[in-house]
């Protein structure tokens, strides 16, 4: 069976309601489009419960209505990093199959496809017409428990039934934190953050078995899946460091093989073009994954970094391929998606790319928990300041990142 999308970008359904930031979004009066201030005003005009996290210029916008999603953030008080689907939000409507509201840290769950899928009903063919994102992780709100200027905590309980007919009583606890500059400096392994504009948002996502029976591999397991949607630009490059494994650790077969002018493997680093011009995706298996990935936009001199909880000894990750799978626990740990038209001449979801991480499969006894922590950082600075950070954490020099697709 042909391999189909497993990314959080999912199907490009309802494309007429989806587009990126354009000049048509600009109001007659108010902050200019593309700025954090514009996005804050826009979201507050459509949702009264927007949580604003703030530490000086570093800020983030979080929406309980969209599962405690981090919609966007800023390091300098001006630049807005998260891709937002203005038209869909403005419409006030819900689309079939999936609602791509955007956001740079959104909570999802796996597996998407396969014999233990939670996006397909038992017995249905694995086709787009049958594919449906579960409402609790798509269109229903999370409960805001507490919030202040630095953090917000959410909770939600719901039921899911997978393709095999297994029922899950799920509990979720989600905390979103705005990291302080000392915390960011420690994570980035730099002695000082002087001269850098930085913002870091960390989500701690706890999956709980609220039922009376254990979750076991033979009946299907769940996972935490965090996806970030960021504004693409013509020269944005995703950098994914990897370990050399016993086989191919980079999977680029989701929509057909990624062209060689868009994916370059150099020793232990994968470079992936993130210009929103071609629908494509890569993933890294547990054999090759490291706990850092990122992107660089030379136009704005912004280095984006993602780190997450990862135990290389744990090799069980849910498989989301749309097929009856030979190995339902042979899925990817990290992924990156670049948006583009489904077919030439067709519209696309938007001008964005994604950085994604997943937890291991959650084999939980009643009352037990799995925690997956996902941290997104944006650093603006000179090339001299950013180069050692990129080299140390991503294993790639800044000149190599900028030149890899210019040859």
Protein backbone atom coordinates (compact mmCIF):
# COMPACT_ATOMS: atom_id res chain seq x y z
CA UNK A 1 0.00 0.00 0.00
CA UNK A 2 1.26 3.43 -0.85
CA UNK A 3 2.71 5.28 2.08
CA UNK A 4 0.64 8.29 3.07
CA UNK A 5 1.11 11.29 5.34
CA UNK A 6 1.70 10.71 9.04
CA UNK A 7 2.59 14.31 9.79
CA UNK A 8 0.61 16.63 11.99
CA UNK A 9 0.16 18.70 8.86
CA UNK A 10 -2.17 15.87 7.87
CA UNK A 11 -4.45 16.17 4.87
CA UNK A 12 -4.74 19.51 3.14
CA UNK A 13 -8.48 19.62 3.53
CA UNK A 14 -10.54 22.78 3.45
CA UNK A 15 -7.67 24.56 1.72
CA UNK A 16 -9.81 27.50 0.68
CA UNK A 17 -10.00 28.41 4.36
CA UNK A 18 -6.26 28.20 4.86
CA UNK A 19 -3.53 30.68 3.98
CA UNK A 20 -0.53 32.37 5.54
CA UNK A 21 0.05 35.97 6.53
CA UNK A 22 -0.43 38.34 3.63
CA UNK A 23 -0.97 42.04 3.15
CA UNK A 24 -4.68 41.38 2.80
CA UNK A 25 -4.74 40.68 6.53
CA UNK A 26 -3.75 44.26 7.35
CA UNK A 27 -6.41 46.36 9.01
CA UNK A 28 -6.84 50.08 8.24
CA UNK A 29 -5.57 50.98 11.69
CA UNK A 30 -3.60 48.95 14.17
CA UNK A 31 -0.32 47.04 14.38
CA UNK A 32 1.26 45.97 11.08
CA UNK A 33 0.68 42.45 9.85
CA UNK A 34 3.48 40.02 10.63
CA UNK A 35 4.11 41.49 14.06
CA UNK A 36 3.43 39.94 17.44
CA UNK A 37 1.20 42.90 18.34
CA UNK A 38 -0.97 42.23 15.29
CA UNK A 39 -1.35 38.55 16.20
CA UNK A 40 -2.22 39.41 19.79
CA UNK A 41 -4.95 41.84 18.73
CA UNK A 42 -6.28 39.39 16.14
CA UNK A 43 -6.50 36.46 18.56
CA UNK A 44 -8.00 38.57 21.35
CA UNK A 45 -10.65 39.82 18.93
CA UNK A 46 -11.73 36.22 18.29
CA UNK A 47 -11.06 34.61 21.68
CA UNK A 48 -11.56 36.30 25.02
CA UNK A 49 -9.45 33.78 26.95
CA UNK A 50 -6.04 34.34 25.33
CA UNK A 51 -3.27 33.81 27.91
CA UNK A 52 -0.33 36.20 27.46
CA UNK A 53 2.97 35.01 28.90
CA UNK A 54 5.54 37.77 29.31
CA UNK A 55 9.11 38.36 30.48
CA UNK A 56 10.18 41.73 29.10
CA UNK A 57 10.20 41.61 25.29
CA UNK A 58 9.92 37.80 25.34
CA UNK A 59 6.24 36.89 25.07
CA UNK A 60 3.94 34.05 24.01
CA UNK A 61 0.21 33.71 23.29
CA UNK A 62 -1.58 30.57 24.51
CA UNK A 63 -5.17 29.56 23.73
CA UNK A 64 -7.25 27.28 26.00
CA UNK A 65 -9.84 27.01 23.19
CA UNK A 66 -7.23 25.25 21.03
CA UNK A 67 -6.05 22.66 23.57
CA UNK A 68 -3.69 25.01 25.40
CA UNK A 69 -1.86 25.67 22.14
CA UNK A 70 1.04 28.12 21.93
CA UNK A 71 -0.09 30.16 18.95
CA UNK A 72 3.02 32.31 18.57
CA UNK A 73 5.90 33.90 20.44
CA UNK A 74 8.34 36.78 20.09
CA UNK A 75 11.89 37.41 21.26
CA UNK A 76 12.09 41.13 20.48
CA UNK A 77 8.49 42.16 21.04
CA UNK A 78 7.99 42.57 17.30
CA UNK A 79 8.73 39.43 15.26
CA UNK A 80 5.99 36.77 15.42
CA UNK A 81 7.25 33.22 14.84
CA UNK A 82 4.15 31.01 14.82
CA UNK A 83 2.10 30.46 11.67
CA UNK A 84 -1.55 31.40 12.22
CA UNK A 85 -4.50 30.47 9.98
CA UNK A 86 -6.31 33.80 10.02
CA UNK A 87 -9.12 32.88 7.64
CA UNK A 88 -10.12 29.73 9.50
CA UNK A 89 -10.11 31.46 12.88
CA UNK A 90 -11.99 34.46 11.50
CA UNK A 91 -14.66 32.25 9.97
CA UNK A 92 -15.70 30.83 13.33
CA UNK A 93 -16.44 27.55 11.57
CA UNK A 94 -15.14 24.03 12.02
CA UNK A 95 -13.94 22.04 9.04
CA UNK A 96 -14.35 18.30 8.49
CA UNK A 97 -11.39 16.03 9.21
CA UNK A 98 -9.04 18.61 10.78
CA UNK A 99 -8.90 22.25 11.83
CA UNK A 100 -5.47 23.71 11.06
CA UNK A 101 -5.60 26.76 13.33
CA UNK A 102 -1.79 26.98 13.35
CA UNK A 103 0.44 27.47 16.37
CA UNK A 104 4.05 26.72 17.24
CA UNK A 105 3.35 24.13 19.96
CA UNK A 106 0.14 22.16 19.57
CA UNK A 107 -0.87 18.99 21.37
CA UNK A 108 -1.74 15.94 19.30
CA UNK A 109 -1.66 12.21 19.89
CA UNK A 110 -0.64 9.16 17.87
CA UNK A 111 -0.93 6.82 16.14
CA UNK A 112 -2.67 8.40 13.18
CA UNK A 113 -2.94 5.32 10.94
CA UNK A 114 -2.48 1.57 11.13
CA UNK A 115 -4.26 -1.19 13.01
CA UNK A 116 -4.14 0.85 16.23
CA UNK A 117 -5.04 4.21 14.65
CA UNK A 118 -7.06 6.78 16.56
CA UNK A 119 -7.88 8.79 13.39
CA UNK A 120 -9.86 5.96 11.72
CA UNK A 121 -12.86 3.88 12.80
CA UNK A 122 -12.65 0.12 12.96
CA UNK A 123 -12.99 -1.46 9.52
CA UNK A 124 -12.73 1.77 7.52
CA UNK A 125 -10.30 1.99 4.62
CA UNK A 126 -7.30 4.24 5.21
CA UNK A 127 -8.47 7.03 2.92
CA UNK A 128 -8.89 10.77 3.27
CA UNK A 129 -12.68 10.47 3.30
CA UNK A 130 -12.50 8.29 6.44
CA UNK A 131 -9.72 10.18 8.20
CA UNK A 132 -10.87 12.23 11.21
CA UNK A 133 -8.86 14.01 13.88
CA UNK A 134 -10.35 13.21 17.31
CA UNK A 135 -12.29 16.26 18.50
CA UNK A 136 -10.58 16.48 21.94
CA UNK A 137 -7.25 17.21 20.22
CA UNK A 138 -8.67 19.25 17.35
CA UNK A 139 -11.72 21.40 18.05
CA UNK A 140 -12.51 21.10 21.77
CA UNK A 141 -10.97 23.26 24.50
CA UNK A 142 -8.77 22.28 27.41
CA UNK A 143 -9.69 23.60 30.85
CA UNK A 144 -7.46 26.42 32.06
CA UNK A 145 -6.56 25.45 35.64
CA UNK A 146 -4.21 28.30 36.61
CA UNK A 147 -2.18 30.98 34.87
CA UNK A 148 0.17 33.86 35.57
CA UNK A 149 2.66 35.90 33.54
CA UNK A 150 5.10 33.00 33.24
CA UNK A 151 2.98 29.85 32.95
CA UNK A 152 -0.42 28.31 32.28
CA UNK A 153 -1.74 24.89 33.30
CA UNK A 154 -4.48 22.97 31.49
CA UNK A 155 -6.33 19.69 31.95
CA UNK A 156 -8.73 17.48 30.04
CA UNK A 157 -10.29 14.01 30.40
CA UNK A 158 -11.85 12.17 27.45
CA UNK A 159 -12.33 8.80 25.80
CA UNK A 160 -10.83 7.43 22.59
CA UNK A 161 -11.43 4.17 20.72
CA UNK A 162 -8.77 2.93 18.33
CA UNK A 163 -9.05 1.01 15.05
CA UNK A 164 -8.76 -2.30 16.91
CA UNK A 165 -11.74 -1.40 19.11
CA UNK A 166 -9.72 -0.70 22.25
CA UNK A 167 -11.26 1.98 24.48
CA UNK A 168 -9.02 4.42 26.33
CA UNK A 169 -9.98 6.64 29.24
CA UNK A 170 -7.45 9.42 28.82
CA UNK A 171 -6.34 12.09 31.22
CA UNK A 172 -4.20 15.01 30.08
CA UNK A 173 -2.31 17.62 32.04
CA UNK A 174 -0.45 20.31 30.12
CA UNK A 175 1.73 23.09 31.47
CA UNK A 176 3.13 25.82 29.21
CA UNK A 177 6.03 27.85 30.64
CA UNK A 178 7.88 30.89 29.38
CA UNK A 179 11.54 30.23 30.19
CA UNK A 180 13.67 32.89 31.87
CA UNK A 181 16.87 34.17 30.29
CA UNK A 182 19.05 32.25 32.82
CA UNK A 183 17.12 29.06 31.98
CA UNK A 184 17.65 29.68 28.27
CA UNK A 185 21.36 30.34 28.75
CA UNK A 186 21.69 27.07 30.64
CA UNK A 187 19.82 25.09 27.97
CA UNK A 188 21.89 26.69 25.21
CA UNK A 189 25.10 26.08 27.15
CA UNK A 190 26.20 29.69 26.89
CA UNK A 191 27.74 31.67 29.78
CA UNK A 192 25.63 34.73 29.09
CA UNK A 193 22.67 35.81 26.98
CA UNK A 194 23.99 39.36 26.62
CA UNK A 195 23.27 40.86 23.22
CA UNK A 196 20.85 38.12 22.17
CA UNK A 197 17.10 38.44 21.74
CA UNK A 198 15.63 35.16 22.99
CA UNK A 199 12.33 33.52 23.81
CA UNK A 200 11.77 29.97 25.00
CA UNK A 201 8.46 28.17 25.56
CA UNK A 202 8.33 24.77 27.19
CA UNK A 203 5.32 22.46 27.28
CA UNK A 204 5.14 19.63 29.79
CA UNK A 205 2.55 17.14 28.56
CA UNK A 206 1.32 14.40 30.87
CA UNK A 207 -0.67 11.45 29.51
CA UNK A 208 -2.59 9.51 32.18
CA UNK A 209 -4.39 6.16 32.09
CA UNK A 210 -7.69 7.03 33.82
CA UNK A 211 -9.20 3.61 33.11
CA UNK A 212 -9.33 0.34 35.02
CA UNK A 213 -7.24 -1.71 32.58
CA UNK A 214 -3.61 -1.47 31.55
CA UNK A 215 -2.69 -0.14 28.11
CA UNK A 216 -0.83 -2.95 26.37
CA UNK A 217 0.96 -3.26 22.99
CA UNK A 218 -1.28 -6.08 21.75
CA UNK A 219 -4.36 -3.82 21.96
CA UNK A 220 -2.68 -0.60 20.85
CA UNK A 221 -0.85 2.20 22.63
CA UNK A 222 -1.05 5.99 22.52
CA UNK A 223 1.66 8.64 22.34
CA UNK A 224 2.08 12.37 22.88
CA UNK A 225 2.78 14.22 19.63
CA UNK A 226 3.80 17.90 19.70
CA UNK A 227 3.87 19.89 16.47
CA UNK A 228 5.13 23.40 15.80
CA UNK A 229 4.05 25.41 12.74
CA UNK A 230 6.41 28.27 11.85
CA UNK A 231 6.43 30.96 9.18
CA UNK A 232 8.49 29.83 6.20
CA UNK A 233 10.77 32.02 4.10
CA UNK A 234 12.66 31.39 0.83
CA UNK A 235 15.95 30.68 2.64
CA UNK A 236 14.78 28.90 5.78
CA UNK A 237 16.65 25.64 6.35
CA UNK A 238 15.72 22.91 8.84
CA UNK A 239 18.68 21.18 10.50
CA UNK A 240 18.20 17.70 11.98
CA UNK A 241 21.26 16.06 13.56
CA UNK A 242 21.18 12.27 13.70
CA UNK A 243 23.19 9.27 14.87
CA UNK A 244 24.33 6.67 12.39
CA UNK A 245 22.29 3.51 12.92
CA UNK A 246 22.26 -0.03 11.58
CA UNK A 247 20.05 0.99 8.67
CA UNK A 248 18.48 4.07 7.10
CA UNK A 249 17.58 6.37 9.98
CA UNK A 250 16.15 9.20 7.84
CA UNK A 251 12.72 8.50 6.34
CA UNK A 252 11.82 10.75 3.40
CA UNK A 253 9.15 8.60 1.74
CA UNK A 254 5.98 10.17 3.07
CA UNK A 255 4.96 11.88 -0.17
CA UNK A 256 7.48 10.27 -2.44
CA UNK A 257 11.19 10.73 -2.11
CA UNK A 258 12.30 14.28 -1.31
CA UNK A 259 14.31 15.75 -4.25
CA UNK A 260 18.06 15.99 -3.76
CA UNK A 261 17.93 19.77 -4.05
CA UNK A 262 15.67 19.85 -0.98
CA UNK A 263 17.21 17.24 1.33
CA UNK A 264 20.95 16.94 1.83
CA UNK A 265 22.57 14.43 4.20
CA UNK A 266 26.04 15.36 5.39
CA UNK A 267 27.61 12.76 7.67
CA UNK A 268 25.36 13.14 10.76
CA UNK A 269 23.26 16.18 9.80
CA UNK A 270 20.18 16.38 7.57
CA UNK A 271 19.45 19.71 5.87
CA UNK A 272 15.83 20.13 4.73
CA UNK A 273 14.51 23.06 2.68
CA UNK A 274 11.65 24.84 4.50
CA UNK A 275 10.35 27.36 1.98
CA UNK A 276 6.70 26.17 1.77
CA UNK A 277 7.14 25.48 -1.95
CA UNK A 278 6.93 21.67 -2.01
CA UNK A 279 4.86 19.38 0.19
CA UNK A 280 7.45 17.10 1.73
CA UNK A 281 8.41 15.48 5.03
CA UNK A 282 11.24 13.71 6.79
CA UNK A 283 11.43 11.67 9.98
CA UNK A 284 14.10 10.15 12.19
CA UNK A 285 13.82 6.73 13.81
CA UNK A 286 14.84 6.03 17.43
CA UNK A 287 18.01 4.44 16.05
CA UNK A 288 19.17 7.82 14.77
CA UNK A 289 17.36 10.53 16.70
CA UNK A 290 19.09 13.09 18.86
CA UNK A 291 17.36 15.41 21.30
CA UNK A 292 17.91 18.60 19.26
CA UNK A 293 16.63 19.88 15.94
CA UNK A 294 16.16 23.36 14.55
CA UNK A 295 16.04 25.82 11.69
CA UNK A 296 17.78 28.99 10.57
CA UNK A 297 16.44 32.00 8.67
CA UNK A 298 19.33 34.21 7.50
CA UNK A 299 16.94 36.99 6.46
CA UNK A 300 16.06 37.67 10.08
CA UNK A 301 19.15 36.04 11.62
CA UNK A 302 16.92 33.82 13.71
CA UNK A 303 17.98 30.42 14.98
CA UNK A 304 15.05 28.26 16.10
CA UNK A 305 15.83 25.27 18.31
CA UNK A 306 13.68 22.44 19.62
CA UNK A 307 14.71 20.01 22.34
CA UNK A 308 12.63 17.34 24.04
CA UNK A 309 12.73 14.41 26.44
CA UNK A 310 14.32 11.45 24.66
CA UNK A 311 15.66 8.14 25.93
CA UNK A 312 17.72 6.42 23.19
CA UNK A 313 17.18 3.08 24.94
CA UNK A 314 13.42 3.24 24.33
CA UNK A 315 12.73 2.02 20.79
CA UNK A 316 8.91 1.74 20.91
CA UNK A 317 7.32 4.60 18.98
CA UNK A 318 3.85 4.36 17.46
CA UNK A 319 3.69 3.99 13.67
CA UNK A 320 1.19 6.29 11.96
CA UNK A 321 1.42 5.02 8.37
CA UNK A 322 -1.97 4.63 6.69
CA UNK A 323 -1.77 0.86 6.20
CA UNK A 324 -1.91 -2.45 8.01
CA UNK A 325 1.56 -2.30 9.49
CA UNK A 326 4.19 -4.98 9.92
CA UNK A 327 5.71 -3.03 12.79
CA UNK A 328 3.14 -0.86 14.60
CA UNK A 329 5.81 0.34 17.05
CA UNK A 330 8.44 1.28 14.48
CA UNK A 331 7.53 4.95 14.14
CA UNK A 332 9.57 8.15 14.11
CA UNK A 333 10.77 10.21 17.05
CA UNK A 334 11.17 13.59 15.31
CA UNK A 335 9.75 14.93 12.06
CA UNK A 336 9.88 18.03 9.91
CA UNK A 337 7.25 18.97 7.33
CA UNK A 338 7.39 21.58 4.56
CA UNK A 339 4.05 22.72 3.19
CA UNK A 340 3.22 23.07 -0.48
CA UNK A 341 0.42 22.32 -2.96
CA UNK A 342 -0.95 18.79 -2.96
CA UNK A 343 -0.78 18.94 -6.77
CA UNK A 344 0.59 21.58 -9.16
CA UNK A 345 -1.77 24.52 -9.42
CA UNK A 346 -3.76 23.61 -6.31
CA UNK A 347 -3.91 25.76 -3.17
CA UNK A 348 -1.93 24.79 -0.10
CA UNK A 349 -2.51 24.98 3.60
CA UNK A 350 -0.14 27.90 4.14
CA UNK A 351 3.34 29.37 4.12
CA UNK A 352 4.73 27.28 6.96
CA UNK A 353 6.98 24.43 7.96
CA UNK A 354 6.84 22.17 11.01
CA UNK A 355 9.18 20.83 13.69
CA UNK A 356 7.66 17.86 15.55
CA UNK A 357 8.55 15.48 18.39
CA UNK A 358 6.83 12.41 19.82
CA UNK A 359 6.92 10.50 23.08
CA UNK A 360 7.47 6.75 23.21
CA UNK A 361 4.38 4.52 23.11
CA UNK A 362 2.62 4.77 26.47
CA UNK A 363 2.25 1.30 28.02
CA UNK A 364 0.57 2.51 31.22
CA UNK A 365 -1.03 0.70 34.13
CA UNK A 366 -4.19 2.29 35.57
CA UNK A 367 -3.30 5.63 37.15
CA UNK A 368 0.20 5.71 35.66
CA UNK A 369 1.61 8.63 33.68
CA UNK A 370 3.90 9.43 30.77
CA UNK A 371 5.45 12.92 30.53
CA UNK A 372 6.75 14.40 27.31
CA UNK A 373 8.52 17.75 27.48
CA UNK A 374 8.96 19.82 24.30
CA UNK A 375 10.88 23.11 24.32
CA UNK A 376 10.98 25.67 21.50
CA UNK A 377 13.51 28.51 21.47
CA UNK A 378 14.04 31.40 19.06
CA UNK A 379 17.35 33.28 19.21
CA UNK A 380 18.06 36.46 17.26
CA UNK A 381 21.60 37.76 17.04
CA UNK A 382 24.63 38.27 14.87
CA UNK A 383 26.12 35.40 12.92
CA UNK A 384 29.13 35.48 15.25
CA UNK A 385 26.82 34.99 18.24
CA UNK A 386 24.64 32.27 16.68
CA UNK A 387 27.38 30.24 14.98
CA UNK A 388 28.79 28.51 18.10
CA UNK A 389 25.28 27.66 19.33
CA UNK A 390 24.34 26.04 16.02
CA UNK A 391 27.64 24.15 15.85
CA UNK A 392 27.42 22.82 19.39
CA UNK A 393 23.74 21.84 19.50
CA UNK A 394 23.00 20.97 15.86
CA UNK A 395 26.46 19.91 14.69
CA UNK A 396 26.29 22.33 11.77
CA UNK A 397 28.22 25.49 10.98
CA UNK A 398 26.27 28.61 10.09
CA UNK A 399 28.06 28.95 6.71
CA UNK A 400 27.18 25.34 5.87
CA UNK A 401 23.53 25.93 6.74
CA UNK A 402 23.38 29.01 4.51
CA UNK A 403 25.25 27.48 1.59
CA UNK A 404 23.85 23.96 1.47
CA UNK A 405 20.98 24.88 -0.90
CA UNK A 406 22.73 27.70 -2.76
CA UNK A 407 25.12 25.46 -4.68
